[in-house]
Protein backbone atom coordinates (compact mmCIF):
# COMPACT_ATOMS: atom_id res chain seq x y z
CA GLN A 1 -27.40 -31.24 101.33
CA VAL A 2 -26.69 -32.98 104.58
CA GLN A 3 -26.47 -36.83 104.69
CA LEU A 4 -26.89 -38.27 108.13
CA VAL A 5 -25.86 -42.09 109.15
CA GLU A 6 -27.18 -43.63 112.43
CA SER A 7 -25.81 -46.47 114.39
CA GLY A 8 -26.03 -47.99 117.66
CA GLY A 9 -29.60 -49.47 117.99
CA GLY A 10 -30.18 -52.90 119.37
CA LEU A 11 -31.85 -55.03 121.90
CA VAL A 12 -31.38 -54.29 125.60
CA GLN A 13 -32.95 -55.19 128.71
CA PRO A 14 -35.05 -52.78 131.01
CA GLY A 15 -32.69 -50.79 133.08
CA GLY A 16 -29.94 -51.02 130.46
CA SER A 17 -28.02 -48.66 128.33
CA LEU A 18 -27.51 -47.92 124.75
CA ARG A 19 -25.66 -45.25 122.72
CA LEU A 20 -26.87 -43.95 119.51
CA SER A 21 -24.57 -42.18 116.79
CA CYS A 22 -25.42 -39.77 113.96
CA ALA A 23 -22.70 -38.88 111.70
CA ALA A 24 -23.18 -35.94 109.66
CA SER A 25 -21.54 -35.39 106.23
CA GLY A 26 -22.09 -32.90 103.29
CA THR A 27 -22.64 -29.37 103.62
CA ILE A 28 -22.85 -29.17 107.46
CA PHE A 29 -21.49 -25.92 108.28
CA SER A 30 -24.08 -23.79 110.23
CA ILE A 31 -26.46 -26.45 111.15
CA SER A 32 -29.23 -25.13 113.38
CA ALA A 33 -29.90 -27.96 115.39
CA MET A 34 -29.59 -31.86 115.61
CA GLY A 35 -31.23 -34.21 117.45
CA TRP A 36 -33.32 -37.44 117.66
CA TYR A 37 -36.95 -38.32 117.01
CA ARG A 38 -38.41 -41.70 117.72
CA GLN A 39 -41.53 -43.55 116.57
CA ALA A 40 -43.14 -46.44 118.14
CA PRO A 41 -45.52 -48.67 116.54
CA GLY A 42 -49.02 -47.19 116.14
CA LYS A 43 -47.63 -44.09 117.41
CA GLN A 44 -46.88 -40.64 116.16
CA ARG A 45 -43.18 -39.70 115.66
CA GLU A 46 -42.08 -37.66 118.70
CA LEU A 47 -39.17 -35.41 119.44
CA VAL A 48 -36.88 -36.86 121.90
CA ALA A 49 -33.94 -34.77 122.17
CA THR A 50 -32.41 -31.52 120.69
CA LEU A 51 -28.99 -29.99 120.48
CA THR A 52 -28.86 -26.37 118.94
CA SER A 53 -25.55 -24.88 117.27
CA LEU A 54 -25.55 -22.74 120.57
CA GLY A 55 -25.17 -25.59 122.72
CA SER A 56 -28.65 -25.62 124.28
CA THR A 57 -30.36 -28.83 124.87
CA ASP A 58 -34.00 -30.09 125.24
CA TYR A 59 -35.78 -33.35 126.07
CA VAL A 60 -39.40 -34.70 126.09
CA ASP A 61 -40.42 -35.06 129.70
CA SER A 62 -40.43 -38.98 129.53
CA VAL A 63 -36.67 -39.11 129.22
CA LYS A 64 -35.41 -36.13 131.21
CA GLY A 65 -32.81 -37.48 133.75
CA ARG A 66 -32.35 -40.64 131.66
CA PHE A 67 -31.04 -39.56 128.14
CA SER A 68 -28.57 -37.18 127.02
CA ILE A 69 -27.37 -35.61 123.81
CA SER A 70 -24.16 -34.44 123.07
CA ARG A 71 -22.09 -33.51 119.98
CA VAL A 72 -18.30 -33.98 118.93
CA ASN A 73 -17.52 -31.45 116.34
CA ALA A 74 -14.38 -33.07 115.46
CA ASN A 75 -16.24 -36.10 113.74
CA ASN A 76 -19.47 -34.15 113.03
CA THR A 77 -21.35 -36.70 115.18
CA VAL A 78 -24.25 -36.22 117.44
CA TYR A 79 -24.81 -38.86 120.24
CA LEU A 80 -27.86 -39.89 121.98
CA HIS A 81 -26.92 -41.53 125.54
CA MET A 82 -29.73 -43.60 126.80
CA ASN A 83 -29.77 -44.97 130.34
CA SER A 84 -32.28 -46.81 132.70
CA LEU A 85 -34.13 -47.73 129.52
CA LYS A 86 -37.89 -48.72 129.71
CA LEU A 87 -40.10 -50.76 127.87
CA GLU A 88 -41.82 -47.89 126.38
CA ASP A 89 -38.52 -46.39 124.80
CA THR A 90 -38.77 -49.15 122.19
CA ALA A 91 -39.08 -47.30 118.76
CA VAL A 92 -37.32 -46.46 115.68
CA TYR A 93 -34.97 -43.61 116.52
CA TYR A 94 -34.40 -41.05 113.62
CA CYS A 95 -31.69 -38.67 113.78
CA TYR A 96 -32.37 -35.31 112.22
CA ALA A 97 -30.48 -32.15 111.29
CA TYR A 98 -31.90 -28.57 110.49
CA TYR A 99 -30.16 -26.48 107.99
CA ARG A 100 -31.33 -23.66 106.15
CA SER A 101 -35.03 -24.14 106.72
CA THR A 102 -34.67 -27.82 105.71
CA THR A 103 -34.98 -30.84 107.90
CA TYR A 104 -32.63 -33.68 106.94
CA TRP A 105 -33.29 -37.31 108.32
CA GLY A 106 -31.23 -40.49 109.02
CA GLN A 107 -32.51 -43.83 107.91
CA GLY A 108 -33.65 -44.70 111.55
CA THR A 109 -32.22 -47.38 113.86
CA GLN A 110 -34.40 -49.79 115.81
CA VAL A 111 -34.11 -49.74 119.67
CA THR A 112 -36.00 -52.51 121.52
CA VAL A 113 -36.08 -52.88 125.21
CA SER A 114 -37.35 -56.38 126.34
CA SER A 115 -36.93 -58.76 128.88
């Protein structure tokens, strides 16, 4: 079992920055990948960023060059650094972890980009 607790969402103006955190606990050894999805109102959930256990990263095209994902193993936390935020980044962001063929989810954190 893996438990994920997210934090860091909020309201930010266009062009601003936020950092989301996802702290993992439980049976966390050999997690294959962690990352973030988001879901905007009326839209499907989309994969935003992934970080594998080998250190490779991947991003949806719309956030490349603006978002970056990182992990601090000492505290089992994954971060999503979001810069140059746009109105269309507004969504609920969900952390996920893929472990032993099972996807675990955080509770979600709201990011609102508005002037």
